[in-house]
PDB file of N, CA and C in Angstrom:
ATOM      1  N   MET A   1     -36.948-111.611 -13.699  1.00  0.00           N
ATOM      2  CA  MET A   1     -38.030-111.038 -13.713  1.00  0.00           C
ATOM      3  C   MET A   1     -37.985-109.465 -14.092  1.00  0.00           C
ATOM      4  N   ILE A   2     -38.597-109.385 -15.141  1.00  0.00           N
ATOM      5  CA  ILE A   2     -38.616-108.169 -15.666  1.00  0.00           C
ATOM      6  C   ILE A   2     -38.934-106.860 -15.029  1.00  0.00           C
ATOM      7  N   LYS A   3     -38.092-105.907 -14.853  1.00  0.00           N
ATOM      8  CA  LYS A   3     -38.511-104.254 -14.040  1.00  0.00           C
ATOM      9  C   LYS A   3     -39.402-103.467 -15.198  1.00  0.00           C
ATOM     10  N   LEU A   4     -40.824-103.105 -15.003  1.00  0.00           N
ATOM     11  CA  LEU A   4     -41.399-102.371 -15.467  1.00  0.00           C
ATOM     12  C   LEU A   4     -41.582-101.127 -15.338  1.00  0.00           C
ATOM     13  N   ASP A   5     -41.484 -99.727 -16.046  1.00  0.00           N
ATOM     14  CA  ASP A   5     -41.631 -98.791 -15.379  1.00  0.00           C
ATOM     15  C   ASP A   5     -43.173 -98.388 -15.334  1.00  0.00           C
ATOM     16  N   GLU A   6     -43.770 -97.343 -14.521  1.00  0.00           N
ATOM     17  CA  GLU A   6     -45.078 -97.349 -14.582  1.00  0.00           C
ATOM     18  C   GLU A   6     -45.744 -97.389 -15.258  1.00  0.00           C
ATOM     19  N   PHE A   7     -45.618 -96.989 -16.861  1.00  0.00           N
ATOM     20  CA  PHE A   7     -46.508 -96.554 -17.895  1.00  0.00           C
ATOM     21  C   PHE A   7     -46.556 -98.190 -18.608  1.00  0.00           C
ATOM     22  N   GLU A   8     -45.495 -98.723 -18.635  1.00  0.00           N
ATOM     23  CA  GLU A   8     -45.320-100.165 -18.810  1.00  0.00           C
ATOM     24  C   GLU A   8     -46.230-101.272 -17.857  1.00  0.00           C
ATOM     25  N   GLN A   9     -46.429-100.917 -16.567  1.00  0.00           N
ATOM     26  CA  GLN A   9     -46.923-101.655 -15.283  1.00  0.00           C
ATOM     27  C   GLN A   9     -48.659-101.364 -15.970  1.00  0.00           C
ATOM     28  N   ASP A  10     -48.990-100.204 -16.337  1.00  0.00           N
ATOM     29  CA  ASP A  10     -50.251 -99.884 -16.638  1.00  0.00           C
ATOM     30  C   ASP A  10     -50.642-100.615 -18.017  1.00  0.00           C
ATOM     31  N   ILE A  11     -49.913-100.279 -19.054  1.00  0.00           N
ATOM     32  CA  ILE A  11     -50.610-101.178 -20.061  1.00  0.00           C
ATOM     33  C   ILE A  11     -50.475-102.959 -19.676  1.00  0.00           C
ATOM     34  N   LEU A  12     -49.381-103.602 -19.070  1.00  0.00           N
ATOM     35  CA  LEU A  12     -49.867-104.411 -18.881  1.00  0.00           C
ATOM     36  C   LEU A  12     -50.979-105.050 -18.283  1.00  0.00           C
ATOM     37  N   GLN A  13     -51.248-104.243 -16.867  1.00  0.00           N
ATOM     38  CA  GLN A  13     -52.942-104.475 -16.587  1.00  0.00           C
ATOM     39  C   GLN A  13     -53.453-104.436 -17.317  1.00  0.00           C
ATOM     40  N   SER A  14     -53.677-103.536 -18.529  1.00  0.00           N
ATOM     41  CA  SER A  14     -54.923-103.062 -19.260  1.00  0.00           C
ATOM     42  C   SER A  14     -55.100-104.324 -20.168  1.00  0.00           C
ATOM     43  N   VAL A  15     -53.942-104.829 -20.881  1.00  0.00           N
ATOM     44  CA  VAL A  15     -53.749-106.484 -21.472  1.00  0.00           C
ATOM     45  C   VAL A  15     -54.345-107.383 -20.530  1.00  0.00           C
ATOM     46  N   GLU A  16     -54.043-107.510 -19.458  1.00  0.00           N
ATOM     47  CA  GLU A  16     -54.281-108.644 -18.639  1.00  0.00           C
ATOM     48  C   GLU A  16     -55.818-108.614 -17.893  1.00  0.00           C
ATOM     49  N   ASN A  17     -56.467-107.209 -18.281  1.00  0.00           N
ATOM     50  CA  ASN A  17     -57.656-106.906 -17.977  1.00  0.00           C
ATOM     51  C   ASN A  17     -58.402-107.131 -19.251  1.00  0.00           C
ATOM     52  N   ASN A  18     -57.789-107.453 -20.268  1.00  0.00           N
ATOM     53  CA  ASN A  18     -58.700-107.861 -21.728  1.00  0.00           C
ATOM     54  C   ASN A  18     -59.730-106.278 -22.120  1.00  0.00           C
ATOM     55  N   GLU A  19     -58.704-105.252 -22.044  1.00  0.00           N
ATOM     56  CA  GLU A  19     -59.575-103.787 -22.330  1.00  0.00           C
ATOM     57  C   GLU A  19     -59.128-103.815 -23.649  1.00  0.00           C
ATOM     58  N   TRP A  20     -57.487-104.813 -24.388  1.00  0.00           N
ATOM     59  CA  TRP A  20     -57.751-104.653 -25.721  1.00  0.00           C
ATOM     60  C   TRP A  20     -58.244-105.360 -26.417  1.00  0.00           C
ATOM     61  N   LYS A  21     -58.491-104.907 -27.983  1.00  0.00           N
ATOM     62  CA  LYS A  21     -59.414-105.825 -28.643  1.00  0.00           C
ATOM     63  C   LYS A  21     -58.687-105.912 -30.208  1.00  0.00           C
ATOM     64  N   VAL A  22     -58.824-106.944 -30.679  1.00  0.00           N
ATOM     65  CA  VAL A  22     -58.126-107.560 -32.233  1.00  0.00           C
ATOM     66  C   VAL A  22     -58.938-106.593 -32.980  1.00  0.00           C
ATOM     67  N   LYS A  23     -58.238-106.080 -33.839  1.00  0.00           N
ATOM     68  CA  LYS A  23     -58.845-105.247 -34.472  1.00  0.00           C
ATOM     69  C   LYS A  23     -58.611-105.856 -36.187  1.00  0.00           C
ATOM     70  N   GLY A  24     -59.683-106.443 -37.009  1.00  0.00           N
ATOM     71  CA  GLY A  24     -59.732-107.312 -38.347  1.00  0.00           C
ATOM     72  C   GLY A  24     -59.320-108.541 -38.294  1.00  0.00           C
ATOM     73  N   GLU A  25     -58.778-109.050 -39.040  1.00  0.00           N
ATOM     74  CA  GLU A  25     -58.179-110.460 -39.256  1.00  0.00           C
ATOM     75  C   GLU A  25     -56.873-110.674 -39.053  1.00  0.00           C
ATOM     76  N   VAL A  26     -56.354-110.455 -37.838  1.00  0.00           N
ATOM     77  CA  VAL A  26     -54.913-110.648 -37.661  1.00  0.00           C
ATOM     78  C   VAL A  26     -54.121-111.505 -38.733  1.00  0.00           C
ATOM     79  N   LYS A  27     -54.511-112.743 -38.554  1.00  0.00           N
ATOM     80  CA  LYS A  27     -53.828-113.914 -38.909  1.00  0.00           C
ATOM     81  C   LYS A  27     -53.841-113.809 -40.850  1.00  0.00           C
ATOM     82  N   GLU A  28     -54.816-113.351 -41.104  1.00  0.00           N
ATOM     83  CA  GLU A  28     -54.732-112.743 -42.436  1.00  0.00           C
ATOM     84  C   GLU A  28     -54.028-111.842 -42.745  1.00  0.00           C
ATOM     85  N   ARG A  29     -53.815-110.668 -41.897  1.00  0.00           N
ATOM     86  CA  ARG A  29     -52.826-109.456 -42.243  1.00  0.00           C
ATOM     87  C   ARG A  29     -51.469-110.151 -42.128  1.00  0.00           C
ATOM     88  N   ILE A  30     -51.063-110.868 -41.232  1.00  0.00           N
ATOM     89  CA  ILE A  30     -49.926-111.412 -41.107  1.00  0.00           C
ATOM     90  C   ILE A  30     -49.086-111.972 -41.885  1.00  0.00           C
ATOM     91  N   ALA A  31     -50.414-112.903 -42.423  1.00  0.00           N
ATOM     92  CA  ALA A  31     -49.759-113.776 -43.801  1.00  0.00           C
ATOM     93  C   ALA A  31     -49.655-112.956 -45.175  1.00  0.00           C
ATOM     94  N   GLU A  32     -50.366-112.166 -45.134  1.00  0.00           N
ATOM     95  CA  GLU A  32     -49.930-111.371 -46.088  1.00  0.00           C
ATOM     96  C   GLU A  32     -48.791-110.364 -46.138  1.00  0.00           C
ATOM     97  N   LEU A  33     -48.611-109.903 -44.801  1.00  0.00           N
ATOM     98  CA  LEU A  33     -47.354-108.874 -44.843  1.00  0.00           C
ATOM     99  C   LEU A  33     -46.015-109.828 -44.705  1.00  0.00           C
ATOM    100  N   GLN A  34     -46.124-111.467 -44.397  1.00  0.00           N
ATOM    101  CA  GLN A  34     -45.156-112.389 -44.429  1.00  0.00           C
ATOM    102  C   GLN A  34     -45.047-112.560 -46.183  1.00  0.00           C
ATOM    103  N   ARG A  35     -45.852-112.858 -46.751  1.00  0.00           N
ATOM    104  CA  ARG A  35     -45.860-113.201 -48.259  1.00  0.00           C
ATOM    105  C   ARG A  35     -45.127-111.856 -48.774  1.00  0.00           C
ATOM    106  N   THR A  36     -45.472-110.624 -48.523  1.00  0.00           N
ATOM    107  CA  THR A  36     -44.803-109.385 -49.201  1.00  0.00           C
ATOM    108  C   THR A  36     -43.144-109.339 -48.641  1.00  0.00           C
ATOM    109  N   ILE A  37     -42.938-109.671 -47.492  1.00  0.00           N
ATOM    110  CA  ILE A  37     -41.350-109.597 -46.733  1.00  0.00           C
ATOM    111  C   ILE A  37     -40.745-110.424 -47.570  1.00  0.00           C
ATOM    112  N   LYS A  38     -41.507-111.722 -47.905  1.00  0.00           N
ATOM    113  CA  LYS A  38     -40.475-112.736 -48.264  1.00  0.00           C
ATOM    114  C   LYS A  38     -39.961-112.355 -49.617  1.00  0.00           C
ATOM    115  N   ASN A  39     -40.850-111.843 -50.456  1.00  0.00           N
ATOM    116  CA  ASN A  39     -40.257-111.415 -51.916  1.00  0.00           C
ATOM    117  C   ASN A  39     -39.747-110.393 -52.031  1.00  0.00           C
ATOM    118  N   GLN A  40     -39.171-109.627 -51.043  1.00  0.00           N
ATOM    119  CA  GLN A  40     -38.440-108.579 -51.312  1.00  0.00           C
ATOM    120  C   GLN A  40     -36.796-108.876 -50.631  1.00  0.00           C
ATOM    121  N   ASN A  41     -35.946-107.914 -51.643  1.00  0.00           N
ATOM    122  CA  ASN A  41     -34.894-108.044 -51.268  1.00  0.00           C
ATOM    123  C   ASN A  41     -34.077-107.552 -49.851  1.00  0.00           C
ATOM    124  N   LYS A  42     -33.404-108.378 -49.339  1.00  0.00           N
ATOM    125  CA  LYS A  42     -33.088-107.802 -47.781  1.00  0.00           C
ATOM    126  C   LYS A  42     -31.724-107.433 -47.593  1.00  0.00           C
ATOM    127  N   LYS A  43     -31.306-106.237 -46.558  1.00  0.00           N
ATOM    128  CA  LYS A  43     -30.226-105.914 -46.112  1.00  0.00           C
ATOM    129  C   LYS A  43     -30.026-106.118 -44.513  1.00  0.00           C
ATOM    130  N   ALA A  44     -29.296-106.301 -44.197  1.00  0.00           N
ATOM    131  CA  ALA A  44     -28.732-106.522 -42.942  1.00  0.00           C
ATOM    132  C   ALA A  44     -28.764-105.588 -42.139  1.00  0.00           C
ATOM    133  N   LEU A  45     -29.306-105.373 -40.915  1.00  0.00           N
ATOM    134  CA  LEU A  45     -29.285-103.990 -40.123  1.00  0.00           C
ATOM    135  C   LEU A  45     -28.713-104.449 -38.662  1.00  0.00           C
ATOM    136  N   SER A  46     -28.284-103.757 -37.823  1.00  0.00           N
ATOM    137  CA  SER A  46     -27.592-103.913 -36.574  1.00  0.00           C
ATOM    138  C   SER A  46     -28.484-102.692 -35.629  1.00  0.00           C
ATOM    139  N   ILE A  47     -29.189-102.859 -34.940  1.00  0.00           N
ATOM    140  CA  ILE A  47     -30.194-101.821 -34.008  1.00  0.00           C
ATOM    141  C   ILE A  47     -29.813-102.585 -32.395  1.00  0.00           C
ATOM    142  N   ARG A  48     -29.880-101.094 -31.575  1.00  0.00           N
ATOM    143  CA  ARG A  48     -29.677-101.425 -30.059  1.00  0.00           C
ATOM    144  C   ARG A  48     -30.959-101.410 -29.565  1.00  0.00           C
ATOM    145  N   VAL A  49     -31.924-102.789 -28.887  1.00  0.00           N
ATOM    146  CA  VAL A  49     -32.897-102.668 -28.456  1.00  0.00           C
ATOM    147  C   VAL A  49     -33.114-103.081 -26.835  1.00  0.00           C
ATOM    148  N   SER A  50     -33.954-102.114 -25.939  1.00  0.00           N
ATOM    149  CA  SER A  50     -34.016-102.485 -24.627  1.00  0.00           C
ATOM    150  C   SER A  50     -34.204-103.700 -24.310  1.00  0.00           C
ATOM    151  N   GLU A  51     -33.483-104.814 -23.160  1.00  0.00           N
ATOM    152  CA  GLU A  51     -33.824-106.117 -23.361  1.00  0.00           C
ATOM    153  C   GLU A  51     -35.412-105.960 -22.867  1.00  0.00           C
ATOM    154  N   ASN A  52     -35.949-105.551 -21.894  1.00  0.00           N
ATOM    155  CA  ASN A  52     -37.285-105.909 -21.880  1.00  0.00           C
ATOM    156  C   ASN A  52     -38.292-105.594 -22.856  1.00  0.00           C
ATOM    157  N   ASP A  53     -38.248-104.654 -24.191  1.00  0.00           N
ATOM    158  CA  ASP A  53     -38.315-104.544 -25.486  1.00  0.00           C
ATOM    159  C   ASP A  53     -38.347-105.698 -26.052  1.00  0.00           C
ATOM    160  N   LEU A  54     -37.144-106.377 -26.486  1.00  0.00           N
ATOM    161  CA  LEU A  54     -36.765-107.447 -27.267  1.00  0.00           C
ATOM    162  C   LEU A  54     -37.986-108.813 -26.505  1.00  0.00           C
ATOM    163  N   TYR A  55     -37.610-108.867 -25.156  1.00  0.00           N
ATOM    164  CA  TYR A  55     -38.070-110.051 -24.141  1.00  0.00           C
ATOM    165  C   TYR A  55     -39.613-109.861 -24.816  1.00  0.00           C
ATOM    166  N   ALA A  56     -40.230-108.641 -24.596  1.00  0.00           N
ATOM    167  CA  ALA A  56     -42.034-108.736 -24.904  1.00  0.00           C
ATOM    168  C   ALA A  56     -42.156-108.976 -26.172  1.00  0.00           C
ATOM    169  N   LEU A  57     -41.097-108.598 -27.084  1.00  0.00           N
ATOM    170  CA  LEU A  57     -40.917-108.668 -28.792  1.00  0.00           C
ATOM    171  C   LEU A  57     -41.189-110.699 -28.892  1.00  0.00           C
ATOM    172  N   LYS A  58     -40.291-111.199 -28.357  1.00  0.00           N
ATOM    173  CA  LYS A  58     -39.907-112.682 -28.742  1.00  0.00           C
ATOM    174  C   LYS A  58     -41.471-113.357 -27.735  1.00  0.00           C
ATOM    175  N   GLN A  59     -41.882-112.767 -26.718  1.00  0.00           N
ATOM    176  CA  GLN A  59     -42.939-113.581 -26.147  1.00  0.00           C
ATOM    177  C   GLN A  59     -44.168-113.553 -27.157  1.00  0.00           C
ATOM    178  N   LYS A  60     -44.264-112.313 -27.764  1.00  0.00           N
ATOM    179  CA  LYS A  60     -45.285-112.181 -28.776  1.00  0.00           C
ATOM    180  C   LYS A  60     -45.183-112.717 -30.269  1.00  0.00           C
ATOM    181  N   ALA A  61     -43.875-113.292 -30.431  1.00  0.00           N
ATOM    182  CA  ALA A  61     -43.693-113.988 -31.244  1.00  0.00           C
ATOM    183  C   ALA A  61     -43.994-115.320 -31.355  1.00  0.00           C
ATOM    184  N   LEU A  62     -43.732-115.855 -30.086  1.00  0.00           N
ATOM    185  CA  LEU A  62     -43.932-117.057 -29.629  1.00  0.00           C
ATOM    186  C   LEU A  62     -45.208-117.455 -29.584  1.00  0.00           C
ATOM    187  N   GLU A  63     -46.050-116.372 -29.211  1.00  0.00           N
ATOM    188  CA  GLU A  63     -48.071-116.599 -28.876  1.00  0.00           C
ATOM    189  C   GLU A  63     -48.292-116.815 -30.268  1.00  0.00           C
ATOM    190  N   ASN A  64     -47.914-116.258 -31.306  1.00  0.00           N
ATOM    191  CA  ASN A  64     -48.334-116.149 -32.390  1.00  0.00           C
ATOM    192  C   ASN A  64     -47.553-116.998 -34.003  1.00  0.00           C
ATOM    193  N   ALA A  65     -46.543-117.881 -32.994  1.00  0.00           N
ATOM    194  CA  ALA A  65     -46.037-118.686 -33.997  1.00  0.00           C
ATOM    195  C   ALA A  65     -45.023-117.995 -35.337  1.00  0.00           C
ATOM    196  N   ILE A  66     -44.790-116.858 -34.518  1.00  0.00           N
ATOM    197  CA  ILE A  66     -44.062-115.910 -35.799  1.00  0.00           C
ATOM    198  C   ILE A  66     -42.680-115.462 -35.393  1.00  0.00           C
ATOM    199  N   PRO A  67     -41.418-115.880 -36.142  1.00  0.00           N
ATOM    200  CA  PRO A  67     -39.892-115.083 -35.635  1.00  0.00           C
ATOM    201  C   PRO A  67     -40.063-113.589 -35.507  1.00  0.00           C
ATOM    202  N   TYR A  68     -39.673-113.816 -33.903  1.00  0.00           N
ATOM    203  CA  TYR A  68     -39.494-112.244 -33.758  1.00  0.00           C
ATOM    204  C   TYR A  68     -38.982-111.306 -35.010  1.00  0.00           C
ATOM    205  N   GLN A  69     -37.910-111.718 -35.645  1.00  0.00           N
ATOM    206  CA  GLN A  69     -37.213-110.834 -36.679  1.00  0.00           C
ATOM    207  C   GLN A  69     -38.712-110.748 -37.833  1.00  0.00           C
ATOM    208  N   ASN A  70     -39.094-111.491 -38.327  1.00  0.00           N
ATOM    209  CA  ASN A  70     -40.623-111.333 -38.954  1.00  0.00           C
ATOM    210  C   ASN A  70     -41.399-110.082 -38.439  1.00  0.00           C
ATOM    211  N   ILE A  71     -41.557-110.153 -37.243  1.00  0.00           N
ATOM    212  CA  ILE A  71     -42.428-109.049 -36.998  1.00  0.00           C
ATOM    213  C   ILE A  71     -41.577-107.561 -36.986  1.00  0.00           C
ATOM    214  N   ILE A  72     -40.237-107.663 -36.723  1.00  0.00           N
ATOM    215  CA  ILE A  72     -39.754-106.129 -36.537  1.00  0.00           C
ATOM    216  C   ILE A  72     -39.596-105.705 -38.547  1.00  0.00           C
ATOM    217  N   GLN A  73     -39.659-106.652 -39.141  1.00  0.00           N
ATOM    218  CA  GLN A  73     -39.596-106.794 -40.492  1.00  0.00           C
ATOM    219  C   GLN A  73     -40.943-106.123 -40.877  1.00  0.00           C
ATOM    220  N   MET A  74     -42.230-106.895 -40.343  1.00  0.00           N
ATOM    221  CA  MET A  74     -43.541-106.270 -40.777  1.00  0.00           C
ATOM    222  C   MET A  74     -43.846-104.655 -40.377  1.00  0.00           C
ATOM    223  N   LEU A  75     -43.189-104.628 -39.006  1.00  0.00           N
ATOM    224  CA  LEU A  75     -43.538-103.168 -38.402  1.00  0.00           C
ATOM    225  C   LEU A  75     -42.778-102.017 -39.188  1.00  0.00           C
ATOM    226  N   ILE A  76     -41.324-102.548 -39.787  1.00  0.00           N
ATOM    227  CA  ILE A  76     -41.019-101.203 -40.569  1.00  0.00           C
ATOM    228  C   ILE A  76     -41.548-100.900 -41.844  1.00  0.00           C
ATOM    229  N   HIS A  77     -42.152-102.202 -42.665  1.00  0.00           N
ATOM    230  CA  HIS A  77     -42.667-102.501 -43.865  1.00  0.00           C
ATOM    231  C   HIS A  77     -44.074-101.679 -43.802  1.00  0.00           C
ATOM    232  N   GLN A  78     -44.666-101.489 -42.710  1.00  0.00           N
ATOM    233  CA  GLN A  78     -45.550-100.624 -42.669  1.00  0.00           C
ATOM    234  C   GLN A  78     -45.659 -99.478 -42.102  1.00  0.00           C
ATOM    235  N   TYR A  79     -44.770 -99.278 -41.261  1.00  0.00           N
ATOM    236  CA  TYR A  79     -44.346 -97.814 -41.170  1.00  0.00           C
ATOM    237  C   TYR A  79     -43.863 -97.297 -42.206  1.00  0.00           C
ATOM    238  N   SER A  80     -43.126 -97.349 -43.072  1.00  0.00           N
ATOM    239  CA  SER A  80     -42.195 -97.042 -44.006  1.00  0.00           C
ATOM    240  C   SER A  80     -43.622 -96.770 -45.575  1.00  0.00           C
ATOM    241  N   ALA A  81     -44.607 -97.681 -45.430  1.00  0.00           N
ATOM    242  CA  ALA A  81     -45.681 -97.899 -46.533  1.00  0.00           C
ATOM    243  C   ALA A  81     -46.761 -96.366 -45.787  1.00  0.00           C
ATOM    244  N   ASP A  82     -46.465 -96.208 -44.646  1.00  0.00           N
ATOM    245  CA  ASP A  82     -47.432 -95.040 -44.064  1.00  0.00           C
ATOM    246  C   ASP A  82     -48.737 -95.797 -44.020  1.00  0.00           C
ATOM    247  N   LYS A  83     -48.751 -96.848 -43.471  1.00  0.00           N
ATOM    248  CA  LYS A  83     -49.806 -97.978 -42.877  1.00  0.00           C
ATOM    249  C   LYS A  83     -50.079 -97.795 -41.942  1.00  0.00           C
ATOM    250  N   ILE A  84     -49.003 -97.398 -40.682  1.00  0.00           N
ATOM    251  CA  ILE A  84     -49.213 -97.208 -39.432  1.00  0.00           C
ATOM    252  C   ILE A  84     -48.153 -95.885 -38.963  1.00  0.00           C
ATOM    253  N   ARG A  85     -48.570 -95.179 -37.810  1.00  0.00           N
ATOM    254  CA  ARG A  85     -47.883 -93.714 -37.490  1.00  0.00           C
ATOM    255  C   ARG A  85     -47.574 -93.934 -36.040  1.00  0.00           C
ATOM    256  N   LEU A  86     -46.752 -93.121 -35.976  1.00  0.00           N
ATOM    257  CA  LEU A  86     -46.185 -93.226 -34.376  1.00  0.00           C
ATOM    258  C   LEU A  86     -47.040 -91.864 -33.951  1.00  0.00           C
ATOM    259  N   SER A  87     -47.252 -92.135 -32.583  1.00  0.00           N
ATOM    260  CA  SER A  87     -48.005 -90.903 -31.946  1.00  0.00           C
ATOM    261  C   SER A  87     -47.437 -90.309 -30.840  1.00  0.00           C
ATOM    262  N   VAL A  88     -46.874 -89.039 -30.684  1.00  0.00           N
ATOM    263  CA  VAL A  88     -46.140 -89.119 -29.697  1.00  0.00           C
ATOM    264  C   VAL A  88     -46.648 -87.834 -28.934  1.00  0.00           C
TER     265      VAL A  88
END
């Protein structure tokens, strides 16, 4: 069993209560990002990620039938292209 902190528990509860809504055509956007990523030269990257985050990422990847590495690539691409921003 994964131990969640209070913030993570609040997020999980919110998701389980269906308070999160999908914005736009997710499957089409994922396919577009996968095509973009597939056609680019790649470099290997080594990072350390918390076990909880990696587990959650793999779960989401399974739910969407996408390799978790592709999700990481998509997030990095979107951030570097200023399509998503971090909120602090």
